[in-house]
Amino acid sequence: MSKKEGHASRTAFFATHPPFGDRILHSLREHRALEPLTVDQKFVTDTAEFQEIQERLRNTLRKGQEQGKSAAKRPSLQMPEPEPAECQEILQSSSTERRQS
């Protein structure tokens, strides 16, 4: 797919993308930059603040689910989605009406 320059021939889309080899080198440089310099040096992946945010998110999602359940029980002006059996009945009744007219 690529030529000596690294771009696909006769395809304008690939002319704007970096060559495959360059993308690999760039990815390796980023990986090295993210690696700890020493064995003792590690990135912080979990904090009390992060745990608090996760808990707040869980509570928010739980409340949204509860509200969704209670909203389903309330009256609505929107028509409910018909069941598959109802769709078949509607289709059959409309086809018999067309035949009669």
Protein backbone atom coordinates (compact mmCIF):
# COMPACT_ATOMS: atom_id res chain seq x y z
CA MET A 1 0.00 0.00 0.00
CA SER A 2 2.83 2.41 0.48
CA LYS A 3 5.61 3.55 -1.77
CA LYS A 4 9.17 4.53 -0.91
CA GLU A 5 7.89 7.84 0.62
CA GLY A 6 5.40 5.94 2.76
CA HIS A 7 2.21 7.20 1.10
CA ALA A 8 -0.23 5.13 -0.90
CA SER A 9 -0.17 5.84 -4.58
CA ARG A 10 -3.11 7.50 -6.35
CA THR A 11 -4.99 8.02 -3.09
CA ALA A 12 -5.28 11.60 -1.86
CA PHE A 13 -6.59 10.47 1.53
CA PHE A 14 -3.30 8.85 2.54
CA ALA A 15 -1.25 11.86 1.45
CA THR A 16 -2.32 13.70 4.65
CA HIS A 17 -1.37 10.83 6.99
CA PRO A 18 2.16 10.26 8.22
CA PRO A 19 3.96 7.24 6.78
CA PHE A 20 3.52 3.97 8.65
CA GLY A 21 7.15 3.84 9.81
CA ASP A 22 6.95 7.36 11.23
CA ARG A 23 3.81 6.44 13.18
CA ILE A 24 5.57 3.45 14.74
CA LEU A 25 8.60 5.56 15.75
CA HIS A 26 6.35 8.25 17.23
CA SER A 27 4.44 5.61 19.24
CA LEU A 28 7.67 4.13 20.59
CA ARG A 29 8.91 7.58 21.67
CA GLU A 30 5.64 8.22 23.50
CA HIS A 31 5.88 4.83 25.20
CA ARG A 32 9.42 5.56 26.42
CA ALA A 33 8.33 8.96 27.72
CA LEU A 34 5.59 7.35 29.79
CA GLU A 35 7.78 4.64 31.30
CA PRO A 36 9.06 5.34 34.82
CA LEU A 37 12.74 6.30 34.95
CA THR A 38 13.49 4.00 37.89
CA VAL A 39 11.90 0.90 39.36
CA ASP A 40 10.79 2.86 42.44
CA GLN A 41 9.19 5.63 40.40
CA LYS A 42 5.58 4.84 39.54
CA PHE A 43 2.71 6.94 38.32
CA VAL A 44 -0.19 7.53 40.71
CA THR A 45 -3.19 5.67 39.37
CA ASP A 46 -5.57 5.91 42.31
CA THR A 47 -6.24 8.67 44.83
CA ALA A 48 -8.88 9.46 47.44
CA GLU A 49 -10.18 12.22 45.18
CA PHE A 50 -10.54 9.77 42.29
CA GLN A 51 -12.41 7.31 44.56
CA GLU A 52 -14.76 10.12 45.65
CA ILE A 53 -15.50 11.07 42.06
CA GLN A 54 -16.19 7.43 41.17
CA GLU A 55 -18.62 7.13 44.07
CA ARG A 56 -20.41 10.35 43.10
CA LEU A 57 -20.71 9.06 39.54
CA ARG A 58 -22.14 5.72 40.75
CA ASN A 59 -24.71 7.58 42.88
CA THR A 60 -25.68 9.82 39.99
CA LEU A 61 -26.12 6.84 37.67
CA ARG A 62 -28.14 4.98 40.31
CA LYS A 63 -30.46 7.99 40.78
CA GLY A 64 -30.90 8.28 37.01
CA GLN A 65 -31.89 4.63 36.76
CA GLU A 66 -34.37 5.01 39.62
CA GLN A 67 -35.88 8.11 38.00
CA GLY A 68 -36.14 6.26 34.71
CA LYS A 69 -38.06 3.43 36.38
CA SER A 70 -40.45 5.84 38.11
CA ALA A 71 -40.92 7.84 34.89
CA ALA A 72 -42.02 4.68 33.09
CA LYS A 73 -44.92 4.35 35.54
CA ARG A 74 -46.17 7.92 35.07
CA PRO A 75 -48.80 8.85 32.47
CA SER A 76 -47.41 10.17 29.21
CA LEU A 77 -48.72 11.85 26.07
CA GLN A 78 -46.35 9.81 23.96
CA MET A 79 -47.63 6.64 22.39
CA PRO A 80 -45.85 3.52 23.61
CA GLU A 81 -43.92 1.47 21.07
CA PRO A 82 -46.12 -1.29 19.68
CA GLU A 83 -45.25 -4.90 20.37
CA PRO A 84 -44.30 -7.10 17.37
CA ALA A 85 -47.65 -8.89 17.55
CA GLU A 86 -49.47 -5.55 17.37
CA CYS A 87 -47.43 -4.61 14.29
CA GLN A 88 -48.54 -7.78 12.53
CA GLU A 89 -52.19 -7.02 13.41
CA ILE A 90 -51.88 -3.48 12.08
CA LEU A 91 -50.26 -4.67 8.84
CA GLN A 92 -52.86 -7.37 8.33
CA SER A 93 -55.79 -5.03 9.03
CA SER A 94 -54.45 -2.37 6.65
CA SER A 95 -53.95 -4.93 3.86
CA THR A 96 -57.50 -6.26 4.27
CA GLU A 97 -58.85 -2.69 4.22
CA ARG A 98 -57.03 -2.03 0.94
CA ARG A 99 -58.46 -5.18 -0.60
CA GLN A 100 -62.00 -4.21 0.39
CA SER A 101 -61.71 -0.72 -1.11
